[in-house]
Protein backbone atom coordinates (compact mmCIF):
# COMPACT_ATOMS: atom_id res chain seq x y z
CA UNK A 1 -3.74 -8.20 -15.85
CA UNK A 2 -2.01 -6.88 -12.73
CA UNK A 3 1.41 -5.31 -13.16
CA UNK A 4 4.41 -6.28 -11.07
CA UNK A 5 5.96 -4.10 -8.37
CA UNK A 6 9.22 -4.89 -6.58
CA UNK A 7 9.31 -3.48 -3.04
CA UNK A 8 12.80 -3.22 -1.49
CA UNK A 9 12.39 -2.22 2.18
CA UNK A 10 14.00 -3.60 5.35
CA UNK A 11 11.22 -2.49 7.73
CA UNK A 12 8.73 -5.43 7.85
CA UNK A 13 5.91 -3.23 9.17
CA UNK A 14 6.30 -0.71 6.37
CA UNK A 15 6.56 -3.51 3.80
CA UNK A 16 3.32 -4.94 5.06
CA UNK A 17 1.54 -1.60 4.93
CA UNK A 18 2.72 -0.84 1.38
CA UNK A 19 1.84 -4.39 0.29
CA UNK A 20 -1.68 -3.97 1.67
CA UNK A 21 -2.07 -0.65 -0.13
CA UNK A 22 -0.90 -2.05 -3.48
CA UNK A 23 -2.09 -5.66 -3.52
CA UNK A 24 -5.54 -4.99 -4.96
CA UNK A 25 -4.05 -3.45 -8.11
CA UNK A 26 -0.54 -4.96 -8.32
CA UNK A 27 1.44 -8.14 -7.79
CA UNK A 28 4.00 -7.23 -5.12
CA UNK A 29 7.36 -8.99 -4.77
CA UNK A 30 9.56 -8.06 -1.82
CA UNK A 31 13.20 -7.83 -0.75
CA UNK A 32 14.44 -6.86 2.72
CA UNK A 33 18.01 -5.89 1.84
CA UNK A 34 19.98 -4.29 -0.97
CA UNK A 35 21.60 -7.49 -2.25
CA UNK A 36 18.28 -9.28 -2.69
CA UNK A 37 16.78 -6.12 -4.15
CA UNK A 38 19.49 -6.01 -6.82
CA UNK A 39 19.12 -9.71 -7.57
CA UNK A 40 15.36 -9.51 -7.99
CA UNK A 41 15.43 -6.15 -9.74
CA UNK A 42 17.98 -7.30 -12.31
CA UNK A 43 16.71 -10.84 -12.91
CA UNK A 44 12.95 -10.26 -12.93
CA UNK A 45 10.79 -8.01 -15.09
CA UNK A 46 9.21 -5.59 -12.63
CA UNK A 47 7.00 -2.85 -14.06
CA UNK A 48 8.04 -0.55 -11.20
CA UNK A 49 10.44 -0.62 -8.24
CA UNK A 50 9.89 0.96 -4.82
CA UNK A 51 13.02 1.09 -2.69
CA UNK A 52 14.21 2.47 0.61
CA UNK A 53 17.31 4.64 0.78
CA UNK A 54 18.88 3.09 3.90
CA UNK A 55 19.07 -0.68 3.37
CA UNK A 56 21.24 -3.47 4.83
CA UNK A 57 24.12 -4.81 2.66
CA UNK A 58 23.65 -2.31 -0.20
CA UNK A 59 22.02 1.10 0.06
CA UNK A 60 19.34 2.50 -2.21
CA UNK A 61 21.83 4.33 -4.43
CA UNK A 62 23.62 1.07 -5.22
CA UNK A 63 20.32 -0.74 -5.81
CA UNK A 64 18.90 1.83 -8.22
CA UNK A 65 22.22 2.00 -10.10
CA UNK A 66 22.30 -1.76 -10.73
CA UNK A 67 18.60 -2.02 -11.62
CA UNK A 68 18.77 0.93 -14.00
CA UNK A 69 21.86 -0.55 -15.64
CA UNK A 70 19.88 -3.71 -16.46
CA UNK A 71 16.49 -2.05 -17.09
CA UNK A 72 16.96 1.65 -17.92
CA UNK A 73 13.27 2.33 -18.51
CA UNK A 74 11.83 0.83 -15.30
CA UNK A 75 10.35 3.56 -13.04
CA UNK A 76 11.82 3.72 -9.53
CA UNK A 77 10.20 5.35 -6.48
CA UNK A 78 12.50 6.09 -3.54
CA UNK A 79 11.31 6.08 0.10
CA UNK A 80 13.51 7.81 2.65
CA UNK A 81 13.41 9.13 6.19
CA UNK A 82 16.35 11.42 5.56
CA UNK A 83 17.50 12.83 2.24
CA UNK A 84 20.40 15.24 1.90
CA UNK A 85 20.63 17.55 -1.12
CA UNK A 86 23.58 15.50 -2.35
CA UNK A 87 21.81 12.12 -2.15
CA UNK A 88 18.69 13.61 -3.75
CA UNK A 89 20.86 14.84 -6.61
CA UNK A 90 22.40 11.37 -6.93
CA UNK A 91 19.01 9.61 -7.01
CA UNK A 92 17.74 12.01 -9.67
CA UNK A 93 20.93 11.51 -11.69
CA UNK A 94 20.47 7.73 -11.51
CA UNK A 95 16.92 8.02 -12.83
CA UNK A 96 14.58 8.02 -9.82
CA UNK A 97 11.07 8.87 -10.99
CA UNK A 98 9.84 10.15 -7.62
CA UNK A 99 11.12 10.53 -4.05
CA UNK A 100 8.78 10.17 -1.06
CA UNK A 101 10.09 11.50 2.29
CA UNK A 102 8.87 9.43 5.26
CA UNK A 103 6.25 9.57 6.61
CA UNK A 104 4.20 9.75 3.44
CA UNK A 105 0.56 9.46 2.41
CA UNK A 106 -0.16 5.91 1.23
CA UNK A 107 -2.96 7.00 -1.10
CA UNK A 108 -0.53 9.39 -2.77
CA UNK A 109 1.98 6.55 -3.13
CA UNK A 110 -0.66 4.32 -4.73
CA UNK A 111 -1.60 7.08 -7.18
CA UNK A 112 2.07 7.56 -8.11
CA UNK A 113 2.58 3.81 -8.64
CA UNK A 114 -0.49 3.62 -10.88
CA UNK A 115 0.65 6.61 -12.89
CA UNK A 116 4.30 5.64 -13.31
CA UNK A 117 3.60 1.99 -14.17
CA UNK A 118 1.14 2.88 -16.93
CA UNK A 119 1.71 3.12 -20.66
CA UNK A 120 1.03 6.54 -22.29
CA UNK A 121 -2.69 5.91 -22.90
CA UNK A 122 -3.17 4.59 -19.36
CA UNK A 123 -1.26 7.55 -17.93
CA UNK A 124 -3.81 10.00 -19.31
CA UNK A 125 -6.69 7.92 -17.96
CA UNK A 126 -5.07 7.48 -14.52
CA UNK A 127 -4.17 11.16 -14.31
CA UNK A 128 -7.81 12.05 -14.93
CA UNK A 129 -8.94 9.56 -12.26
CA UNK A 130 -6.45 10.93 -9.74
CA UNK A 131 -7.51 14.51 -10.44
CA UNK A 132 -11.14 13.52 -9.98
CA UNK A 133 -10.38 11.78 -6.67
CA UNK A 134 -8.37 14.70 -5.39
CA UNK A 135 -11.15 17.14 -6.27
CA UNK A 136 -13.33 15.41 -3.70
CA UNK A 137 -15.66 13.56 -6.07
CA UNK A 138 -17.92 11.41 -3.89
CA UNK A 139 -17.80 7.65 -4.09
CA UNK A 140 -21.09 6.41 -5.64
CA UNK A 141 -21.97 4.37 -2.57
CA UNK A 142 -25.64 4.37 -3.41
CA UNK A 143 -24.86 2.37 -6.55
CA UNK A 144 -23.28 -0.53 -4.64
CA UNK A 145 -24.94 -3.71 -5.85
CA UNK A 146 -25.62 -6.78 -3.75
CA UNK A 147 -22.78 -8.68 -5.46
CA UNK A 148 -20.32 -5.81 -4.92
CA UNK A 149 -21.35 -5.47 -1.27
CA UNK A 150 -20.81 -9.20 -0.76
CA UNK A 151 -17.45 -9.08 -2.54
CA UNK A 152 -16.30 -6.14 -0.40
CA UNK A 153 -17.43 -7.94 2.74
CA UNK A 154 -15.48 -11.08 1.85
CA UNK A 155 -12.40 -9.07 0.84
CA UNK A 156 -12.47 -7.18 4.14
CA UNK A 157 -12.90 -10.41 6.10
CA UNK A 158 -10.00 -12.04 4.21
CA UNK A 159 -7.74 -9.03 4.82
CA UNK A 160 -8.56 -9.00 8.54
CA UNK A 161 -8.03 -12.79 8.79
CA UNK A 162 -4.62 -12.43 7.12
CA UNK A 163 -3.56 -9.84 9.69
CA UNK A 164 -4.86 -11.93 12.60
CA UNK A 165 -2.80 -14.86 11.31
CA UNK A 166 0.27 -12.61 11.05
CA UNK A 167 -0.15 -11.34 14.63
CA UNK A 168 -0.76 -14.87 15.91
CA UNK A 169 2.45 -16.13 14.30
CA UNK A 170 4.40 -13.14 15.63
CA UNK A 171 3.14 -13.38 19.22
CA UNK A 172 3.78 -17.16 19.39
CA UNK A 173 7.51 -16.67 18.83
CA UNK A 174 9.73 -17.53 21.81
CA UNK A 175 11.49 -14.18 21.56
CA UNK A 176 10.04 -10.97 20.20
CA UNK A 177 12.23 -8.33 18.62
CA UNK A 178 11.47 -4.58 18.81
CA UNK A 179 10.52 -4.68 15.13
CA UNK A 180 7.90 -7.35 15.94
CA UNK A 181 6.14 -4.97 18.32
CA UNK A 182 6.24 -2.25 15.69
CA UNK A 183 4.77 -4.66 13.13
CA UNK A 184 1.93 -5.59 15.49
CA UNK A 185 1.13 -1.94 16.15
CA UNK A 186 1.07 -1.20 12.41
CA UNK A 187 -1.13 -4.26 11.83
CA UNK A 188 -3.62 -3.12 14.46
CA UNK A 189 -3.75 0.35 12.91
CA UNK A 190 -4.43 -1.19 9.50
CA UNK A 191 -7.20 -3.39 10.89
CA UNK A 192 -8.77 -0.41 12.63
CA UNK A 193 -8.72 1.57 9.37
CA UNK A 194 -10.23 -1.32 7.41
CA UNK A 195 -13.04 -1.76 9.93
CA UNK A 196 -13.84 1.97 9.88
CA UNK A 197 -13.81 2.10 6.07
CA UNK A 198 -15.90 -1.05 5.65
CA UNK A 199 -18.46 -0.07 8.31
CA UNK A 200 -18.78 3.43 6.87
CA UNK A 201 -19.39 2.16 3.33
CA UNK A 202 -21.93 -0.45 4.40
CA UNK A 203 -23.75 2.01 6.64
CA UNK A 204 -24.04 4.58 3.85
CA UNK A 205 -25.13 1.92 1.36
CA UNK A 206 -27.87 0.63 3.66
CA UNK A 207 -29.12 4.11 4.50
CA UNK A 208 -29.36 4.86 0.77
CA UNK A 209 -31.88 2.04 0.27
CA UNK A 210 -35.58 2.94 -0.17
CA UNK A 211 -36.35 1.27 3.17
CA UNK A 212 -33.14 1.49 5.24
CA UNK A 213 -34.59 -0.06 8.43
CA UNK A 214 -33.27 2.75 10.58
CA UNK A 215 -34.39 1.26 13.88
CA UNK A 216 -32.53 -1.96 13.12
CA UNK A 217 -29.35 -0.04 12.33
CA UNK A 218 -29.57 1.97 15.52
CA UNK A 219 -30.05 -1.12 17.69
CA UNK A 220 -27.29 -3.17 16.03
CA UNK A 221 -23.83 -3.55 17.56
CA UNK A 222 -21.25 -1.19 16.15
CA UNK A 223 -17.51 -1.92 15.91
CA UNK A 224 -15.58 -0.44 18.81
CA UNK A 225 -12.19 0.77 17.57
CA UNK A 226 -9.54 2.59 19.60
CA UNK A 227 -11.99 3.03 22.45
CA UNK A 228 -14.65 4.79 20.35
CA UNK A 229 -18.09 3.42 19.55
């Protein structure tokens, strides 16, 4: 069963990116300001909270204080573009489990969320998995089955369709805000990364087959992303 993460972040583009990174392993609820973050954090049972420092209405320090008052044991990860020694000391005093300065590595964030939201037995297992991934252990692409390849294809298609729908809704607005343009740029970057990842995995999987049909692969159309074929 997926665990529940509450994401409190006012930047819609960053919320979308973090949601995409976490959604395969976690149920993600969201709040775009401190008041809503406190309401959801206090009244719902989140297994972990991710919150921004600078938020509208109530800042991250106020949010973590109220959530920790109601749920002292819930892990909290803080995201911040600027952190003074004093605010860092305050977050640690209030019980922040980890602080990520922006910009941060999304894979590292995912690993931290998995680790901090686990029970003791899961923590040991996740820590071992993270260590293995960080040591550069190769993904067993050659063991991808037909059903897994199909599932990955459909998941990639669904993720791309979701982003196309988001961009369509955003660009059809009568007035676009600066944050809308930022969201579109972030969406395009995510789509580009998904296409590269998916194409790379499928290409390696096909080439690992006993008869990879090399000539067919070479003659097939390749995705053109960011001007590169």
